[in-house]
Protein backbone atom coordinates (compact mmCIF):
# COMPACT_ATOMS: atom_id res chain seq x y z
CA MET A 1 27.56 52.74 63.48
CA GLY A 2 27.52 49.77 61.09
CA ARG A 3 29.12 49.42 57.76
CA ARG A 4 28.54 51.83 54.79
CA PRO A 5 26.86 50.37 51.81
CA ALA A 6 28.42 49.14 49.05
CA VAL A 7 27.53 51.93 46.64
CA ARG A 8 28.53 54.64 49.04
CA GLN A 9 32.36 52.93 49.57
CA THR A 10 32.29 52.46 45.87
CA LEU A 11 31.86 56.03 44.98
CA ALA A 12 33.51 57.00 47.91
CA ALA A 13 36.64 55.16 46.54
CA LEU A 14 36.67 57.13 43.42
CA CYS A 15 37.91 60.45 44.78
CA PRO A 16 38.75 62.45 42.00
CA ALA A 17 39.78 65.77 42.77
CA HIS A 18 37.16 67.26 40.74
CA LEU A 19 34.17 65.50 42.24
CA PRO A 20 31.25 67.86 43.67
CA PRO A 21 29.10 66.72 46.76
CA LEU A 22 26.97 63.90 45.55
CA ALA A 23 23.60 62.32 46.56
CA LEU A 24 22.14 59.73 45.17
CA LEU A 25 18.80 57.09 45.88
CA ALA A 26 20.00 53.77 45.41
CA PRO A 27 18.86 50.24 47.33
CA ALA A 28 20.43 49.18 50.44
CA HIS A 29 20.39 45.42 48.71
CA ARG A 30 19.32 44.30 45.52
CA ALA A 31 16.01 45.94 44.25
CA PRO A 32 13.37 43.75 42.29
CA PHE A 33 12.63 44.94 38.68
CA ASP A 34 9.09 45.62 39.57
CA HIS A 35 10.55 48.72 41.29
CA HIS A 36 10.94 51.04 38.35
CA VAL A 37 7.48 52.18 38.97
CA LEU A 38 9.15 54.63 41.66
CA VAL A 39 11.21 56.30 38.88
CA GLY A 40 8.45 58.61 37.24
CA PRO A 41 6.82 59.98 40.23
CA LEU A 42 10.46 60.68 41.76
CA LEU A 43 11.36 62.15 38.71
CA GLU A 44 8.03 64.21 38.50
CA ALA A 45 8.30 65.26 42.18
CA LEU A 46 11.91 66.54 41.89
CA LEU A 47 11.24 68.59 38.57
CA THR A 48 7.88 70.06 40.45
CA GLY A 49 9.13 70.64 43.64
CA PRO A 50 11.36 73.08 45.41
CA ARG A 51 14.64 73.81 43.78
CA THR A 52 16.70 74.97 46.78
CA GLY A 53 18.25 73.55 49.50
CA LEU A 54 20.88 70.79 49.67
CA TRP A 55 20.40 67.86 47.72
CA PRO A 56 20.11 65.03 50.06
CA GLN A 57 17.40 67.06 51.53
CA ARG A 58 15.66 67.52 48.39
CA LEU A 59 15.91 64.10 46.93
CA THR A 60 14.45 62.76 50.68
CA ALA A 61 11.35 64.97 50.10
CA ALA A 62 10.91 63.73 46.16
CA LYS A 63 10.97 60.40 47.43
CA THR A 64 8.41 61.16 50.01
CA THR A 65 6.23 63.19 47.62
CA ALA A 66 6.62 60.18 45.24
CA LEU A 67 5.61 57.79 47.23
CA ALA A 68 2.33 59.40 48.47
CA THR A 69 0.89 59.74 44.71
CA ALA A 70 -2.04 58.03 43.89
CA GLU A 71 0.34 56.24 41.26
CA MET A 72 1.89 54.36 43.98
CA THR A 73 -0.66 53.66 45.93
CA ALA A 74 -0.80 50.39 43.98
CA HIS A 75 2.29 49.20 44.73
CA THR A 76 2.49 49.77 48.91
CA ARG A 77 3.43 46.15 49.55
CA ARG A 78 6.72 46.70 48.20
CA ASP A 79 9.79 47.44 50.40
CA TRP A 80 10.33 51.34 49.51
CA ALA A 81 12.36 51.64 52.80
CA ARG A 82 15.30 49.52 51.38
CA TRP A 83 15.60 52.71 48.69
CA GLN A 84 18.01 55.28 50.91
CA ILE A 85 19.51 58.39 50.30
CA HIS A 86 23.43 58.40 50.36
CA ALA A 87 25.48 61.76 50.52
CA ILE A 88 29.17 61.68 49.49
CA PRO A 89 31.30 64.71 50.48
CA GLY A 90 32.59 65.96 47.48
CA THR A 91 36.73 66.54 47.09
CA ARG A 92 36.39 69.40 45.09
CA PRO A 93 38.39 72.27 47.10
CA THR A 94 36.22 74.89 48.24
CA PRO A 95 37.80 78.56 46.99
């Protein structure tokens, strides 16, 4: 397995005692400014999609749904694969 992306290394290094599990969508490398078009469809998919299940799976499903929207068809030539789901295990003690 290769090195963890810098965003995961940075977040994992924080490790405050109260950090819950975290999942986020972030580019593997720098993303051009014109990738901002993904935000609207992604938020809509998150707000209208299922609200059950683990956050990484919900975020993955929302990304897939967002990329399949008519709004995103004009942007198929952009490298959306660079946007990956990063899961950081929490440090909060379980009861």
